[in-house]
Amino acid sequence: MADDEPDDEEVVRTAAEAAEGVVFANYRQSSVRDLDVTVTFEEGVLEVDVYLNAPEAEGEGETDPDAVADEAARAARAAVDDLFGVDSDEPTGDAA
């Protein structure tokens, strides 16, 4: 690992903060019943899982908790890409 690359702890912290930021941009903290953001970064592989228990969308303009959790996970990955200076619009090795 090059000296200018972030360490694993910084990667995990960056991803978790980005995910939480998305959740709390969509919900007041007092309305979130449960939030679990699990981030692992081992051997260069990032895994992000976001569980959100928040009020269901009731009307137009309301936020769907599953959609927010998905958005939070994407934001976490994008934040880590930014940390490494990777363009998140580039295809990954997973695309076949």
C-alpha atoms as a PDB file:
ATOM      1  CA  MET A   1       0.000   0.000   0.000  1.00  0.00           C
ATOM      2  CA  ALA A   2       1.335   3.417  -0.927  1.00  0.00           C
ATOM      3  CA  ASP A   3       1.889   5.928   1.855  1.00  0.00           C
ATOM      4  CA  ASP A   4      -0.723   8.288   0.410  1.00  0.00           C
ATOM      5  CA  GLU A   5      -3.509   5.677   0.405  1.00  0.00           C
ATOM      6  CA  PRO A   6      -6.014   5.696   3.265  1.00  0.00           C
ATOM      7  CA  ASP A   7      -5.770   2.963   5.865  1.00  0.00           C
ATOM      8  CA  ASP A   8      -8.565   0.452   6.471  1.00  0.00           C
ATOM      9  CA  GLU A   9      -9.901   2.364   9.482  1.00  0.00           C
ATOM     10  CA  GLU A  10     -10.246   5.574   7.470  1.00  0.00           C
ATOM     11  CA  VAL A  11     -12.024   3.692   4.668  1.00  0.00           C
ATOM     12  CA  VAL A  12     -14.537   2.151   7.079  1.00  0.00           C
ATOM     13  CA  ARG A  13     -15.116   5.457   8.883  1.00  0.00           C
ATOM     14  CA  THR A  14     -15.619   7.346   5.605  1.00  0.00           C
ATOM     15  CA  ALA A  15     -18.135   4.804   4.319  1.00  0.00           C
ATOM     16  CA  ALA A  16     -20.088   4.688   7.586  1.00  0.00           C
ATOM     17  CA  GLU A  17     -20.253   8.486   7.870  1.00  0.00           C
ATOM     18  CA  ALA A  18     -21.479   8.808   4.278  1.00  0.00           C
ATOM     19  CA  ALA A  19     -24.199   6.207   4.813  1.00  0.00           C
ATOM     20  CA  GLU A  20     -25.375   7.795   8.057  1.00  0.00           C
ATOM     21  CA  GLY A  21     -25.366  11.202   6.379  1.00  0.00           C
ATOM     22  CA  VAL A  22     -27.803  10.005   3.724  1.00  0.00           C
ATOM     23  CA  VAL A  23     -30.121   8.457   6.305  1.00  0.00           C
ATOM     24  CA  PHE A  24     -30.209  11.562   8.479  1.00  0.00           C
ATOM     25  CA  ALA A  25     -30.646  13.811   5.452  1.00  0.00           C
ATOM     26  CA  ASN A  26     -33.913  11.944   4.842  1.00  0.00           C
ATOM     27  CA  TYR A  27     -35.119  11.324   8.408  1.00  0.00           C
ATOM     28  CA  ARG A  28     -34.958  13.175  11.692  1.00  0.00           C
ATOM     29  CA  GLN A  29     -32.794  11.216  14.105  1.00  0.00           C
ATOM     30  CA  SER A  30     -35.759  10.867  16.494  1.00  0.00           C
ATOM     31  CA  SER A  31     -37.860   9.123  13.822  1.00  0.00           C
ATOM     32  CA  VAL A  32     -35.251   6.427  13.102  1.00  0.00           C
ATOM     33  CA  ARG A  33     -36.154   3.395  15.200  1.00  0.00           C
ATOM     34  CA  ASP A  34     -33.016   1.439  14.324  1.00  0.00           C
ATOM     35  CA  LEU A  35     -30.033   1.975  12.059  1.00  0.00           C
ATOM     36  CA  ASP A  36     -27.249  -0.516  11.509  1.00  0.00           C
ATOM     37  CA  VAL A  37     -24.458   0.366   9.111  1.00  0.00           C
ATOM     38  CA  THR A  38     -21.980  -2.475   8.726  1.00  0.00           C
ATOM     39  CA  VAL A  39     -18.832  -1.736   6.766  1.00  0.00           C
ATOM     40  CA  THR A  40     -15.902  -4.061   6.194  1.00  0.00           C
ATOM     41  CA  PHE A  41     -12.798  -3.411   4.145  1.00  0.00           C
ATOM     42  CA  GLU A  42     -10.496  -6.393   3.860  1.00  0.00           C
ATOM     43  CA  GLU A  43      -7.867  -7.086   1.222  1.00  0.00           C
ATOM     44  CA  GLY A  44      -9.139  -4.157  -0.845  1.00  0.00           C
ATOM     45  CA  VAL A  45     -12.746  -5.367  -0.871  1.00  0.00           C
ATOM     46  CA  LEU A  46     -15.421  -3.029   0.495  1.00  0.00           C
ATOM     47  CA  GLU A  47     -18.690  -4.434   1.804  1.00  0.00           C
ATOM     48  CA  VAL A  48     -21.480  -2.140   2.977  1.00  0.00           C
ATOM     49  CA  ASP A  49     -24.779  -3.224   4.497  1.00  0.00           C
ATOM     50  CA  VAL A  50     -27.356  -0.725   5.719  1.00  0.00           C
ATOM     51  CA  TYR A  51     -30.385  -1.742   7.783  1.00  0.00           C
ATOM     52  CA  LEU A  52     -32.895   1.017   8.454  1.00  0.00           C
ATOM     53  CA  ASN A  53     -36.057   0.788  10.527  1.00  0.00           C
ATOM     54  CA  ALA A  54     -37.918   4.037   9.980  1.00  0.00           C
ATOM     55  CA  PRO A  55     -41.507   5.083   9.256  1.00  0.00           C
ATOM     56  CA  GLU A  56     -42.924   3.800   5.978  1.00  0.00           C
ATOM     57  CA  ALA A  57     -43.757   6.254   3.225  1.00  0.00           C
ATOM     58  CA  GLU A  58     -47.406   7.279   3.490  1.00  0.00           C
ATOM     59  CA  GLY A  59     -47.852   9.818   0.721  1.00  0.00           C
ATOM     60  CA  GLU A  60     -46.271  11.517  -2.215  1.00  0.00           C
ATOM     61  CA  GLY A  61     -42.975  13.077  -1.297  1.00  0.00           C
ATOM     62  CA  GLU A  62     -42.510  10.671   1.607  1.00  0.00           C
ATOM     63  CA  THR A  63     -39.316   8.640   1.838  1.00  0.00           C
ATOM     64  CA  ASP A  64     -39.189   4.843   1.499  1.00  0.00           C
ATOM     65  CA  PRO A  65     -36.815   3.333   4.098  1.00  0.00           C
ATOM     66  CA  ASP A  66     -35.576   0.599   1.733  1.00  0.00           C
ATOM     67  CA  ALA A  67     -34.773   3.171  -0.947  1.00  0.00           C
ATOM     68  CA  VAL A  68     -32.949   5.322   1.610  1.00  0.00           C
ATOM     69  CA  ALA A  69     -30.936   2.308   2.823  1.00  0.00           C
ATOM     70  CA  ASP A  70     -29.959   1.490  -0.771  1.00  0.00           C
ATOM     71  CA  GLU A  71     -29.028   5.120  -1.421  1.00  0.00           C
ATOM     72  CA  ALA A  72     -26.975   5.158   1.796  1.00  0.00           C
ATOM     73  CA  ALA A  73     -25.027   2.065   0.729  1.00  0.00           C
ATOM     74  CA  ARG A  74     -24.342   3.593  -2.705  1.00  0.00           C
ATOM     75  CA  ALA A  75     -23.212   6.838  -1.061  1.00  0.00           C
ATOM     76  CA  ALA A  76     -20.846   4.898   1.197  1.00  0.00           C
ATOM     77  CA  ARG A  77     -19.258   3.186  -1.800  1.00  0.00           C
ATOM     78  CA  ALA A  78     -19.012   6.484  -3.690  1.00  0.00           C
ATOM     79  CA  ALA A  79     -17.353   8.168  -0.704  1.00  0.00           C
ATOM     80  CA  VAL A  80     -14.715   5.435  -0.596  1.00  0.00           C
ATOM     81  CA  ASP A  81     -14.194   5.728  -4.354  1.00  0.00           C
ATOM     82  CA  ASP A  82     -13.621   9.459  -3.828  1.00  0.00           C
ATOM     83  CA  LEU A  83     -11.198   8.686  -1.007  1.00  0.00           C
ATOM     84  CA  PHE A  84      -9.121   6.572  -3.394  1.00  0.00           C
ATOM     85  CA  GLY A  85      -9.566   9.005  -6.283  1.00  0.00           C
ATOM     86  CA  VAL A  86     -11.590   6.520  -8.334  1.00  0.00           C
ATOM     87  CA  ASP A  87     -14.284   7.719 -10.737  1.00  0.00           C
ATOM     88  CA  SER A  88     -17.372   5.871  -9.463  1.00  0.00           C
ATOM     89  CA  ASP A  89     -18.923   6.077 -12.964  1.00  0.00           C
ATOM     90  CA  GLU A  90     -16.224   3.796 -14.349  1.00  0.00           C
ATOM     91  CA  PRO A  91     -17.227   0.151 -14.817  1.00  0.00           C
ATOM     92  CA  THR A  92     -15.942  -2.207 -12.152  1.00  0.00           C
ATOM     93  CA  GLY A  93     -14.445  -5.650 -12.533  1.00  0.00           C
ATOM     94  CA  ASP A  94     -17.849  -7.072 -11.550  1.00  0.00           C
ATOM     95  CA  ALA A  95     -19.449  -6.020 -14.854  1.00  0.00           C
ATOM     96  CA  ALA A  96     -19.362  -8.815 -17.394  1.00  0.00           C
END
